[in-house]
Amino acid sequence: MAIWSSYIKGFTAYLQLERSLADNTIAAYIHDINMMAAYFSHVEPPIPLEAINRSDLQNFLKEINDLQLAANTQARILSGIKSFFRYLMLEDVITTDPTELLQAPKLQRKLPDFLSIAEVDQLLAAIDHSTPDGQRNRAMLETLYSCGLRVSELIQLKISMLYLDLGYIRVVGKGNKERLVPIGNEAIIQIRLYKDHVRALGKIAIGAEDILFLNIRGGALSRVMVFLIIKKLTALAGIKKNIHPHVLRHSFATHLVEAGADLRAVQEMLGHKSITTTEIYTHLDRTYLRTTLEKYHPHFH
């Protein structure tokens, strides 16, 4: 394993300095390469790094597949392996790239859970508005559903990012990309009620002066806290679905697509890099697609 360690160290530096990848991505890649190193060091007979060929890598990927890891995890492992062997080529450790014709596992698109409009109303109706937490939670859930935010975007939302008079909020999404998202009247009403009558009267921790949604100690909420709030409300509302904060984002997108919203507009509001990510929502209402054809296609009648 000693020779592996030295190249893995160099590979880490390469990912940081030359590829400028995020720390989480680098950590995942290094974990996967360590797993591959352990595999080739313990097969009988062990296979030296420079001698690994495509067939050996296919055997390794078969072992990974047998562990029944998710398809996207397997795809990430393959991506890390390809990057590693490209790095070894750059360093002249190997002269041919054994990953050149390696195939990624076919990714199955998992259809997201979502709530019906009636279930969203049930969830909101389960909130106890007589408590300060209740008003905050109502404002949070209305914002999640009205704007289709990721939880990380919600907990980072700042007062200085609200343009409520104009009906917009500024959101910092993945990769620190900013986008302007329209916000509905109900969410605006609930944010103002929370901001002026609850937040203004509570404790505000140092450094959290501009954070919109605060916990009981006056600091920013955590993702886990939002998850627990929604989990508890789901139980109170009697909704028998496995609900997590992302479900309100999925519901936002689903209800827009069902109502005939333009997919590019939905993509823009969700902050999706690729339209293919947004297209997953089109499966959710086949009857809508059929009625569209019946209404607009000249030969469909």
Protein backbone atom coordinates (compact mmCIF):
# COMPACT_ATOMS: atom_id res chain seq x y z
CA MET A 1 0.00 0.00 0.00
CA ALA A 2 3.01 2.34 0.42
CA ILE A 3 3.27 3.16 -3.29
CA TRP A 4 -0.49 3.79 -3.41
CA SER A 5 -0.23 6.24 -0.46
CA SER A 6 2.33 8.37 -2.24
CA TYR A 7 0.24 8.62 -5.43
CA ILE A 8 -3.01 9.20 -3.51
CA LYS A 9 -1.27 12.10 -1.73
CA GLY A 10 -0.23 13.58 -5.09
CA PHE A 11 -3.71 12.97 -6.51
CA THR A 12 -5.26 14.90 -3.56
CA ALA A 13 -3.03 17.90 -4.30
CA TYR A 14 -3.89 17.64 -8.01
CA LEU A 15 -7.65 17.71 -7.25
CA GLN A 16 -7.26 20.69 -4.93
CA LEU A 17 -4.88 22.82 -6.98
CA GLU A 18 -5.50 21.92 -10.61
CA ARG A 19 -9.10 20.75 -10.62
CA SER A 20 -10.30 23.12 -7.83
CA LEU A 21 -12.90 20.57 -6.69
CA ALA A 22 -15.02 21.03 -3.57
CA ASP A 23 -13.66 19.47 -0.34
CA ASN A 24 -16.59 17.02 -0.14
CA THR A 25 -15.96 15.79 -3.71
CA ILE A 26 -12.24 15.36 -3.02
CA ALA A 27 -12.95 13.44 0.21
CA ALA A 28 -15.37 11.13 -1.68
CA TYR A 29 -12.82 10.51 -4.48
CA ILE A 30 -10.01 9.74 -2.02
CA HIS A 31 -12.28 7.37 -0.08
CA ASP A 32 -13.06 5.52 -3.33
CA ILE A 33 -9.39 5.32 -4.42
CA ASN A 34 -8.43 3.97 -0.98
CA MET A 35 -11.12 1.33 -1.41
CA MET A 36 -9.69 0.40 -4.82
CA ALA A 37 -6.14 0.33 -3.39
CA ALA A 38 -7.27 -2.07 -0.64
CA TYR A 39 -8.97 -4.30 -3.24
CA PHE A 40 -5.92 -4.60 -5.53
CA SER A 41 -3.57 -5.04 -2.56
CA HIS A 42 -5.60 -7.97 -1.20
CA VAL A 43 -6.57 -9.91 -4.34
CA GLU A 44 -4.60 -13.09 -4.99
CA PRO A 45 -2.03 -12.39 -6.27
CA PRO A 46 -1.95 -8.62 -5.48
CA ILE A 47 -1.91 -6.43 -8.61
CA PRO A 48 0.64 -3.58 -8.67
CA LEU A 49 -0.71 -0.14 -9.51
CA GLU A 50 1.16 0.14 -12.84
CA ALA A 51 -0.12 -3.29 -13.99
CA ILE A 52 -3.86 -2.67 -13.52
CA ASN A 53 -5.78 -3.14 -16.79
CA ARG A 54 -9.39 -2.62 -17.87
CA SER A 55 -10.38 -6.19 -17.03
CA ASP A 56 -9.03 -5.76 -13.46
CA LEU A 57 -11.03 -2.56 -13.05
CA GLN A 58 -14.18 -4.28 -14.37
CA ASN A 59 -13.70 -6.97 -11.71
CA PHE A 60 -13.39 -4.25 -9.05
CA LEU A 61 -16.55 -2.52 -10.31
CA LYS A 62 -18.36 -5.87 -10.28
CA GLU A 63 -17.40 -6.26 -6.59
CA ILE A 64 -18.75 -2.76 -5.95
CA ASN A 65 -21.97 -3.61 -7.79
CA ASP A 66 -22.34 -6.79 -5.67
CA LEU A 67 -22.33 -4.58 -2.56
CA GLN A 68 -25.61 -3.17 -3.95
CA LEU A 69 -24.45 0.43 -3.65
CA ALA A 70 -26.71 3.03 -5.23
CA ALA A 71 -26.14 3.54 -8.97
CA ASN A 72 -25.12 7.18 -8.46
CA THR A 73 -22.54 6.09 -5.83
CA GLN A 74 -21.13 3.57 -8.33
CA ALA A 75 -21.03 6.28 -11.01
CA ARG A 76 -19.14 8.57 -8.62
CA ILE A 77 -16.63 5.78 -7.87
CA LEU A 78 -16.05 5.31 -11.60
CA SER A 79 -15.60 9.06 -12.06
CA GLY A 80 -12.99 9.11 -9.25
CA ILE A 81 -11.14 6.12 -10.75
CA LYS A 82 -11.03 7.80 -14.18
CA SER A 83 -9.66 11.02 -12.65
CA PHE A 84 -7.03 9.03 -10.72
CA PHE A 85 -5.76 7.19 -13.79
CA ARG A 86 -5.74 10.43 -15.82
CA TYR A 87 -3.56 11.90 -13.08
CA LEU A 88 -1.22 8.86 -13.27
CA MET A 89 -0.95 9.42 -17.04
CA LEU A 90 -0.02 13.08 -16.48
CA GLU A 91 2.65 11.97 -14.00
CA ASP A 92 4.01 9.37 -16.47
CA VAL A 93 3.38 6.58 -13.94
CA ILE A 94 1.46 4.66 -16.63
CA THR A 95 1.60 4.89 -20.42
CA THR A 96 -1.95 3.72 -21.26
CA ASP A 97 -5.20 4.60 -19.54
CA PRO A 98 -7.06 1.42 -18.47
CA THR A 99 -10.26 3.41 -17.79
CA GLU A 100 -10.69 4.59 -21.39
CA LEU A 101 -13.55 2.22 -22.32
CA LEU A 102 -14.89 1.56 -18.82
CA GLN A 103 -18.69 1.92 -18.65
CA ALA A 104 -20.63 3.68 -15.92
CA PRO A 105 -23.61 1.85 -14.37
CA LYS A 106 -26.95 2.98 -15.79
CA LEU A 107 -28.45 5.53 -13.44
CA GLN A 108 -32.06 5.04 -12.51
CA ARG A 109 -33.79 8.36 -11.95
CA LYS A 110 -35.52 8.14 -8.59
CA LEU A 111 -38.89 9.82 -8.72
CA PRO A 112 -39.16 12.36 -5.89
CA ASP A 113 -41.88 12.23 -3.24
CA PHE A 114 -44.21 15.20 -3.25
CA LEU A 115 -47.34 16.41 -1.50
CA SER A 116 -50.66 17.14 -3.14
CA ILE A 117 -51.96 20.71 -2.77
CA ALA A 118 -54.44 19.43 -0.16
CA GLU A 119 -51.58 17.80 1.81
CA VAL A 120 -49.55 21.03 1.75
CA ASP A 121 -52.63 22.77 3.24
CA GLN A 122 -52.91 19.99 5.87
CA LEU A 123 -49.25 20.45 6.81
CA LEU A 124 -49.66 24.21 7.21
CA ALA A 125 -52.89 23.75 9.17
CA ALA A 126 -51.02 21.57 11.71
CA ILE A 127 -48.89 24.55 12.85
CA ASP A 128 -49.75 26.11 16.22
CA HIS A 129 -49.74 29.85 15.44
CA SER A 130 -50.12 30.85 19.08
CA THR A 131 -46.41 30.22 19.76
CA PRO A 132 -43.42 32.26 18.48
CA ASP A 133 -41.99 29.05 16.99
CA GLY A 134 -45.28 28.43 15.22
CA GLN A 135 -45.19 31.78 13.41
CA ARG A 136 -41.56 31.18 12.41
CA ASN A 137 -42.37 27.67 11.17
CA ARG A 138 -45.33 28.94 9.12
CA ALA A 139 -43.13 31.57 7.48
CA MET A 140 -40.42 28.96 6.79
CA LEU A 141 -42.77 26.40 5.24
CA GLU A 142 -44.54 29.04 3.15
CA THR A 143 -41.13 30.20 1.87
CA LEU A 144 -39.97 26.66 1.09
CA TYR A 145 -43.15 25.91 -0.83
CA SER A 146 -43.59 29.34 -2.44
CA CYS A 147 -40.01 29.56 -3.74
CA GLY A 148 -38.95 25.90 -4.10
CA LEU A 149 -35.85 26.47 -1.98
CA ARG A 150 -33.31 23.89 -0.89
CA VAL A 151 -33.06 23.67 2.93
CA SER A 152 -29.48 25.04 2.82
CA GLU A 153 -30.84 28.08 0.91
CA LEU A 154 -33.62 28.60 3.47
CA ILE A 155 -31.36 28.57 6.54
CA GLN A 156 -28.90 30.95 4.84
CA LEU A 157 -31.63 33.39 3.78
CA LYS A 158 -30.78 36.92 4.95
CA ILE A 159 -33.03 39.89 5.62
CA SER A 160 -30.87 41.88 3.18
CA MET A 161 -31.82 39.34 0.48
CA LEU A 162 -35.56 40.05 0.76
CA TYR A 163 -37.19 42.39 -1.76
CA LEU A 164 -40.72 41.79 -0.52
CA ASP A 165 -42.14 45.03 -1.93
CA LEU A 166 -41.03 43.84 -5.37
CA GLY A 167 -42.13 40.23 -4.71
CA TYR A 168 -38.64 38.67 -4.98
CA ILE A 169 -35.97 37.12 -2.80
CA ARG A 170 -32.29 36.65 -3.62
CA VAL A 171 -31.08 33.10 -3.05
CA VAL A 172 -27.53 31.74 -2.84
CA GLY A 173 -27.61 28.23 -4.30
CA LYS A 174 -25.10 25.49 -5.09
CA GLY A 175 -21.63 26.70 -6.01
CA ASN A 176 -22.47 30.13 -4.49
CA LYS A 177 -24.61 30.92 -7.54
CA GLU A 178 -27.17 33.62 -6.88
CA ARG A 179 -30.64 33.76 -8.38
CA LEU A 180 -33.70 35.96 -7.96
CA VAL A 181 -36.84 33.97 -7.14
CA PRO A 182 -40.42 35.33 -7.12
CA ILE A 183 -42.18 34.92 -3.77
CA GLY A 184 -45.94 34.58 -3.28
CA ASN A 185 -48.20 36.86 -1.26
CA GLU A 186 -48.93 34.32 1.49
CA ALA A 187 -45.20 33.76 2.11
CA ILE A 188 -44.64 37.56 2.15
CA ILE A 189 -47.44 38.02 4.74
CA GLN A 190 -46.06 35.26 6.97
CA ILE A 191 -42.43 36.48 6.72
CA ARG A 192 -43.52 40.02 7.71
CA LEU A 193 -45.57 38.73 10.66
CA TYR A 194 -42.61 36.65 11.86
CA LYS A 195 -39.99 39.37 11.25
CA ASP A 196 -41.93 42.22 12.87
CA HIS A 197 -43.75 40.44 15.72
CA VAL A 198 -41.57 37.45 16.67
CA ARG A 199 -38.00 37.90 15.47
CA ALA A 200 -37.87 41.59 16.47
CA LEU A 201 -38.78 40.68 20.08
CA GLY A 202 -36.46 37.69 20.49
CA LYS A 203 -32.78 37.18 21.19
CA ILE A 204 -30.37 37.68 18.28
CA ALA A 205 -26.93 36.10 18.54
CA ILE A 206 -23.77 37.91 17.44
CA GLY A 207 -23.19 37.20 13.75
CA ALA A 208 -26.86 36.32 13.12
CA GLU A 209 -28.14 39.91 12.83
CA ASP A 210 -28.97 39.50 9.14
CA ILE A 211 -30.14 35.83 9.24
CA LEU A 212 -33.91 35.68 8.72
CA PHE A 213 -34.93 32.45 10.48
CA LEU A 214 -33.49 32.09 13.99
CA ASN A 215 -33.54 29.34 16.61
CA ILE A 216 -34.46 29.85 20.27
CA ARG A 217 -30.89 31.00 21.06
CA GLY A 218 -31.03 33.64 18.34
CA GLY A 219 -28.67 31.80 15.98
CA ALA A 220 -29.17 30.32 12.52
CA LEU A 221 -31.26 27.16 12.28
CA SER A 222 -29.57 23.91 11.28
CA ARG A 223 -30.73 21.61 8.47
CA VAL A 224 -31.51 18.95 11.09
CA MET A 225 -33.75 21.32 13.01
CA VAL A 226 -35.78 22.12 9.87
CA PHE A 227 -36.02 18.37 9.15
CA LEU A 228 -37.32 17.68 12.69
CA ILE A 229 -39.87 20.53 12.52
CA ILE A 230 -41.30 19.20 9.24
CA LYS A 231 -41.24 15.58 10.51
CA LYS A 232 -43.24 16.57 13.60
CA LEU A 233 -45.78 18.61 11.60
CA THR A 234 -46.24 15.71 9.16
CA ALA A 235 -47.17 13.41 12.06
CA LEU A 236 -49.55 16.04 13.51
CA ALA A 237 -51.18 16.50 10.09
CA GLY A 238 -51.69 12.72 9.79
CA ILE A 239 -49.80 12.54 6.48
CA LYS A 240 -48.51 9.01 5.94
CA LYS A 241 -45.59 9.88 3.66
CA ASN A 242 -41.87 9.91 4.31
CA ILE A 243 -41.57 13.69 4.40
CA HIS A 244 -38.31 15.65 4.51
CA PRO A 245 -37.66 19.35 3.74
CA HIS A 246 -36.86 18.65 0.08
CA VAL A 247 -40.42 17.35 -0.38
CA LEU A 248 -41.75 20.93 -0.33
CA ARG A 249 -39.28 21.82 -3.09
CA HIS A 250 -40.47 18.79 -5.09
CA SER A 251 -44.09 19.79 -4.44
CA PHE A 252 -43.41 23.35 -5.65
CA ALA A 253 -41.92 22.03 -8.92
CA THR A 254 -44.57 19.33 -9.42
CA HIS A 255 -47.51 21.70 -8.93
CA LEU A 256 -45.99 24.20 -11.37
CA VAL A 257 -45.34 21.56 -14.06
CA GLU A 258 -48.81 20.04 -13.55
CA ALA A 259 -50.34 23.48 -14.07
CA GLY A 260 -48.47 23.86 -17.37
CA ALA A 261 -45.53 26.06 -16.34
CA ASP A 262 -42.66 26.37 -18.81
CA LEU A 263 -39.91 23.90 -17.87
CA ARG A 264 -37.15 26.47 -18.45
CA ALA A 265 -38.85 28.85 -16.01
CA VAL A 266 -39.09 26.07 -13.39
CA GLN A 267 -35.41 25.23 -13.99
CA GLU A 268 -34.48 28.89 -13.42
CA MET A 269 -36.48 29.11 -10.18
CA LEU A 270 -35.08 25.85 -8.80
CA GLY A 271 -31.53 26.86 -9.70
CA HIS A 272 -30.92 23.63 -11.65
CA LYS A 273 -27.75 23.68 -13.73
CA SER A 274 -29.23 21.32 -16.32
CA ILE A 275 -32.76 21.07 -17.73
CA THR A 276 -32.51 17.24 -17.46
CA THR A 277 -32.66 17.57 -13.65
CA THR A 278 -35.88 19.58 -13.97
CA GLU A 279 -37.37 17.14 -16.51
CA ILE A 280 -37.84 14.54 -13.76
CA TYR A 281 -40.98 16.49 -12.75
CA THR A 282 -42.65 15.90 -16.12
CA HIS A 283 -43.37 12.25 -15.25
CA LEU A 284 -45.70 13.28 -12.48
CA ASP A 285 -48.83 14.11 -14.39
CA ARG A 286 -49.35 12.06 -17.54
CA THR A 287 -52.98 13.14 -17.67
CA TYR A 288 -51.82 16.74 -18.00
CA LEU A 289 -49.65 15.76 -20.99
CA ARG A 290 -52.57 13.94 -22.61
CA THR A 291 -55.00 16.83 -22.19
CA THR A 292 -52.36 19.19 -23.65
CA LEU A 293 -52.10 16.97 -26.74
CA GLU A 294 -55.88 16.73 -27.02
CA LYS A 295 -56.18 20.48 -26.78
CA TYR A 296 -53.40 21.55 -29.13
CA HIS A 297 -52.44 18.71 -31.52
CA PRO A 298 -54.41 18.88 -34.80
CA HIS A 299 -54.32 15.09 -35.42
CA PHE A 300 -54.99 13.90 -31.88
CA HIS A 301 -58.79 14.12 -31.89
